N, C-alpha and C. Protein backbone atom coordinates (compact mmCIF):
# COMPACT_ATOMS: atom_id res chain seq x y z
N MET A 1 139.96 102.77 84.43
CA MET A 1 138.76 103.41 83.93
C MET A 1 138.80 104.92 84.19
N TRP A 2 139.28 105.29 85.36
CA TRP A 2 139.32 106.70 85.72
C TRP A 2 140.17 107.48 84.71
N SER A 3 141.32 106.94 84.40
CA SER A 3 142.21 107.61 83.46
C SER A 3 141.56 107.72 82.09
N HIS A 4 140.92 106.67 81.65
CA HIS A 4 140.27 106.68 80.34
C HIS A 4 139.16 107.72 80.27
N ASN A 5 138.36 107.80 81.32
CA ASN A 5 137.21 108.70 81.33
C ASN A 5 137.60 110.16 81.55
N THR A 6 138.77 110.42 82.13
CA THR A 6 139.14 111.79 82.47
C THR A 6 140.24 112.37 81.58
N THR A 7 140.73 111.59 80.63
CA THR A 7 141.76 112.08 79.73
C THR A 7 141.11 112.66 78.48
N THR A 8 141.55 113.84 78.09
CA THR A 8 141.00 114.50 76.91
C THR A 8 141.41 113.74 75.65
N SER A 9 140.44 113.45 74.83
CA SER A 9 140.68 112.74 73.58
C SER A 9 141.25 113.68 72.53
N ARG A 10 142.25 113.22 71.78
CA ARG A 10 142.82 114.05 70.72
C ARG A 10 141.79 114.30 69.63
N ALA A 11 140.98 113.31 69.34
CA ALA A 11 140.03 113.43 68.24
C ALA A 11 138.88 114.37 68.57
N THR A 12 138.31 114.26 69.78
CA THR A 12 137.13 115.06 70.11
C THR A 12 137.46 116.36 70.82
N GLY A 13 138.56 116.38 71.57
CA GLY A 13 138.91 117.56 72.34
C GLY A 13 138.18 117.62 73.68
N PHE A 14 137.45 116.56 74.03
CA PHE A 14 136.71 116.49 75.28
C PHE A 14 137.04 115.18 75.98
N THR A 15 136.72 115.11 77.28
CA THR A 15 136.84 113.84 77.99
C THR A 15 135.59 113.02 77.70
N HIS A 16 135.68 111.71 77.87
CA HIS A 16 134.52 110.85 77.66
C HIS A 16 133.43 111.17 78.67
N PHE A 17 133.83 111.48 79.89
CA PHE A 17 132.88 111.82 80.94
C PHE A 17 132.09 113.08 80.57
N LYS A 18 132.78 114.08 80.04
CA LYS A 18 132.13 115.34 79.65
C LYS A 18 131.10 115.10 78.55
N LEU A 19 131.44 114.27 77.56
CA LEU A 19 130.49 114.00 76.48
C LEU A 19 129.28 113.21 76.98
N LEU A 20 129.49 112.34 77.95
CA LEU A 20 128.40 111.51 78.44
C LEU A 20 127.49 112.27 79.40
N TYR A 21 128.08 113.00 80.36
CA TYR A 21 127.29 113.64 81.41
C TYR A 21 127.23 115.16 81.30
N SER A 22 127.88 115.73 80.32
CA SER A 22 127.90 117.17 80.04
C SER A 22 128.52 118.01 81.15
N GLU A 23 129.35 117.40 81.99
CA GLU A 23 130.09 118.16 82.99
C GLU A 23 131.38 117.42 83.30
N GLU A 24 132.34 118.13 83.83
CA GLU A 24 133.63 117.52 84.13
C GLU A 24 133.54 116.65 85.37
N VAL A 25 134.41 115.65 85.42
CA VAL A 25 134.44 114.73 86.54
C VAL A 25 135.01 115.42 87.78
N MET A 26 134.55 114.98 88.95
CA MET A 26 134.99 115.58 90.20
C MET A 26 135.39 114.47 91.18
N LEU A 27 136.50 114.66 91.84
CA LEU A 27 136.96 113.69 92.84
C LEU A 27 136.06 113.76 94.07
N PRO A 28 135.92 112.65 94.80
CA PRO A 28 135.11 112.67 96.03
C PRO A 28 135.65 113.66 97.06
N LYS A 29 136.97 113.81 97.14
CA LYS A 29 137.54 114.78 98.08
C LYS A 29 137.13 116.20 97.72
N GLU A 30 137.05 116.49 96.43
CA GLU A 30 136.62 117.83 96.01
C GLU A 30 135.19 118.10 96.46
N ALA A 31 134.33 117.11 96.33
CA ALA A 31 132.94 117.28 96.73
C ALA A 31 132.81 117.43 98.24
N LYS A 32 133.62 116.67 98.97
CA LYS A 32 133.54 116.68 100.42
C LYS A 32 134.04 118.00 101.01
N HIS A 33 135.10 118.56 100.46
CA HIS A 33 135.72 119.75 101.03
C HIS A 33 135.33 121.05 100.34
N GLN A 34 134.30 121.02 99.50
CA GLN A 34 133.79 122.23 98.85
C GLN A 34 134.90 123.01 98.13
N SER A 35 135.54 122.38 97.18
CA SER A 35 136.60 123.04 96.42
C SER A 35 136.01 124.04 95.44
N LEU A 36 136.86 124.78 94.79
CA LEU A 36 136.43 125.77 93.80
C LEU A 36 135.67 125.11 92.66
N HIS A 37 136.15 123.94 92.27
CA HIS A 37 135.48 123.18 91.21
C HIS A 37 134.04 122.85 91.62
N THR A 38 133.84 122.45 92.86
CA THR A 38 132.52 122.11 93.36
C THR A 38 131.61 123.34 93.37
N MET A 39 132.13 124.44 93.83
CA MET A 39 131.33 125.67 93.89
C MET A 39 130.90 126.10 92.49
N LYS A 40 131.80 125.94 91.54
CA LYS A 40 131.48 126.29 90.15
C LYS A 40 130.35 125.41 89.62
N GLN A 41 130.39 124.11 89.97
CA GLN A 41 129.33 123.19 89.56
C GLN A 41 127.99 123.58 90.19
N LEU A 42 128.01 123.96 91.47
CA LEU A 42 126.77 124.33 92.16
C LEU A 42 126.16 125.59 91.54
N LEU A 43 127.00 126.54 91.18
CA LEU A 43 126.48 127.75 90.53
C LEU A 43 125.87 127.43 89.18
N ALA A 44 126.47 126.52 88.46
CA ALA A 44 125.94 126.13 87.16
C ALA A 44 124.60 125.40 87.32
N GLU A 45 124.45 124.62 88.38
CA GLU A 45 123.20 123.90 88.61
C GLU A 45 122.07 124.86 88.98
N ASP A 46 122.40 125.96 89.65
CA ASP A 46 121.39 126.94 90.01
C ASP A 46 120.75 127.55 88.77
N GLU A 47 121.55 127.67 87.72
CA GLU A 47 121.02 128.24 86.47
C GLU A 47 120.15 127.23 85.74
N GLY A 48 120.22 125.98 86.12
CA GLY A 48 119.38 124.95 85.51
C GLY A 48 120.14 124.13 84.49
N TYR A 49 119.67 122.91 84.31
CA TYR A 49 120.26 122.00 83.34
C TYR A 49 119.79 122.39 81.95
N CYS A 50 120.70 122.57 81.06
CA CYS A 50 120.34 123.04 79.73
C CYS A 50 120.76 122.02 78.68
N LYS A 51 119.79 121.50 77.93
CA LYS A 51 120.09 120.51 76.90
C LYS A 51 120.90 121.12 75.77
N GLU A 52 120.76 122.42 75.55
CA GLU A 52 121.49 123.06 74.46
C GLU A 52 122.99 123.02 74.69
N THR A 53 123.42 123.11 75.95
CA THR A 53 124.85 123.04 76.23
C THR A 53 125.39 121.64 75.95
N VAL A 54 124.58 120.62 76.25
CA VAL A 54 124.99 119.25 75.96
C VAL A 54 125.09 119.05 74.46
N LYS A 55 124.07 119.51 73.74
CA LYS A 55 124.09 119.39 72.28
C LYS A 55 125.26 120.16 71.69
N GLY A 56 125.51 121.34 72.22
CA GLY A 56 126.62 122.16 71.73
C GLY A 56 127.96 121.47 71.91
N ALA A 57 128.16 120.86 73.06
CA ALA A 57 129.41 120.15 73.31
C ALA A 57 129.56 118.96 72.37
N ARG A 58 128.48 118.26 72.14
CA ARG A 58 128.54 117.10 71.24
C ARG A 58 128.76 117.53 69.79
N LEU A 59 128.14 118.62 69.38
CA LEU A 59 128.37 119.13 68.03
C LEU A 59 129.81 119.59 67.85
N GLU A 60 130.34 120.24 68.87
CA GLU A 60 131.73 120.67 68.81
C GLU A 60 132.66 119.46 68.75
N ALA A 61 132.32 118.41 69.48
CA ALA A 61 133.12 117.18 69.44
C ALA A 61 133.08 116.57 68.04
N MET A 62 131.92 116.57 67.40
CA MET A 62 131.82 116.04 66.04
C MET A 62 132.67 116.86 65.06
N GLU A 63 132.67 118.19 65.23
CA GLU A 63 133.50 119.04 64.38
C GLU A 63 134.98 118.73 64.61
N ASN A 64 135.36 118.54 65.88
CA ASN A 64 136.75 118.21 66.20
C ASN A 64 137.15 116.87 65.60
N ILE A 65 136.24 115.90 65.60
CA ILE A 65 136.54 114.60 65.02
C ILE A 65 136.77 114.73 63.52
N SER A 66 135.92 115.49 62.83
CA SER A 66 136.10 115.65 61.39
C SER A 66 137.41 116.37 61.07
N LYS A 67 137.78 117.37 61.87
CA LYS A 67 139.07 118.05 61.67
C LYS A 67 140.22 117.08 61.89
N PHE A 68 140.12 116.25 62.94
CA PHE A 68 141.16 115.27 63.24
C PHE A 68 141.31 114.28 62.09
N GLN A 69 140.19 113.82 61.53
CA GLN A 69 140.24 112.87 60.42
C GLN A 69 140.85 113.50 59.18
N GLN A 70 140.53 114.77 58.92
CA GLN A 70 141.11 115.46 57.76
C GLN A 70 142.61 115.63 57.92
N GLU A 71 143.06 115.98 59.14
CA GLU A 71 144.49 116.13 59.39
C GLU A 71 145.21 114.79 59.26
N ALA A 72 144.59 113.72 59.75
CA ALA A 72 145.20 112.39 59.64
C ALA A 72 145.29 111.96 58.18
N LYS A 73 144.25 112.24 57.41
CA LYS A 73 144.26 111.90 55.98
C LYS A 73 145.33 112.70 55.25
N ARG A 74 145.43 113.98 55.56
CA ARG A 74 146.43 114.83 54.93
C ARG A 74 147.85 114.34 55.26
N TRP A 75 148.09 113.95 56.52
CA TRP A 75 149.39 113.43 56.92
C TRP A 75 149.70 112.12 56.20
N ARG A 76 148.69 111.23 56.12
CA ARG A 76 148.88 109.94 55.46
C ARG A 76 149.17 110.13 53.97
N ASP A 77 148.44 111.04 53.32
CA ASP A 77 148.64 111.28 51.89
C ASP A 77 150.02 111.85 51.60
N GLN A 78 150.58 112.60 52.52
CA GLN A 78 151.92 113.15 52.32
C GLN A 78 152.97 112.04 52.35
N ASN A 79 152.74 110.99 53.12
CA ASN A 79 153.72 109.93 53.29
C ASN A 79 153.54 108.77 52.31
N VAL A 80 152.49 108.80 51.50
CA VAL A 80 152.24 107.73 50.54
C VAL A 80 152.98 108.05 49.25
N VAL A 81 153.72 107.07 48.75
CA VAL A 81 154.42 107.24 47.47
C VAL A 81 153.55 106.60 46.40
N ARG A 82 153.08 107.40 45.49
CA ARG A 82 152.19 106.90 44.43
C ARG A 82 153.02 106.34 43.28
N LYS A 83 152.60 105.19 42.77
CA LYS A 83 153.28 104.56 41.65
C LYS A 83 152.25 104.28 40.57
N ASN A 84 152.62 104.58 39.36
CA ASN A 84 151.73 104.32 38.24
C ASN A 84 151.96 102.89 37.77
N ILE A 85 150.93 102.08 37.78
CA ILE A 85 151.01 100.70 37.31
C ILE A 85 150.39 100.66 35.92
N GLN A 86 151.15 100.10 35.01
CA GLN A 86 150.69 100.03 33.62
C GLN A 86 150.53 98.57 33.22
N ASP A 87 149.89 98.34 32.09
CA ASP A 87 149.73 96.98 31.57
C ASP A 87 151.10 96.38 31.33
N GLY A 88 151.27 95.14 31.77
CA GLY A 88 152.54 94.45 31.57
C GLY A 88 153.44 94.51 32.80
N ASP A 89 153.15 95.37 33.77
CA ASP A 89 153.95 95.42 35.00
C ASP A 89 153.65 94.20 35.86
N LEU A 90 154.67 93.71 36.53
CA LEU A 90 154.48 92.58 37.43
C LEU A 90 154.00 93.11 38.79
N VAL A 91 152.93 92.49 39.28
CA VAL A 91 152.39 92.89 40.58
C VAL A 91 152.17 91.64 41.42
N LEU A 92 152.17 91.78 42.70
CA LEU A 92 151.96 90.69 43.62
C LEU A 92 150.47 90.61 43.96
N ARG A 93 149.89 89.44 43.77
CA ARG A 93 148.48 89.23 44.09
C ARG A 93 148.35 88.35 45.32
N ARG A 94 147.40 88.68 46.16
CA ARG A 94 147.11 87.85 47.32
C ARG A 94 145.91 86.97 47.01
N LYS A 95 145.96 85.75 47.49
CA LYS A 95 144.84 84.83 47.29
C LYS A 95 144.00 84.77 48.54
């Protein structure tokens, strides 16, 4: 679960944890020993929780998903060989 939640998704460009909680995941050791990551989080909390930043991250993720889908479609269309089927051609039908 940890790996799944902390790995950046190719489609969204964010981790699942970031999209859900609007902040990056932190190890318990980081919290206990006051690492740089922890201090950065504390400074951000002093400024207050802002819903706009959460919405902004989610909107950016949606834009990244649409770009990813367009790139995947473009790649798929390049590899598809189109064939013109005319009346009288034999085709395989599935039942």
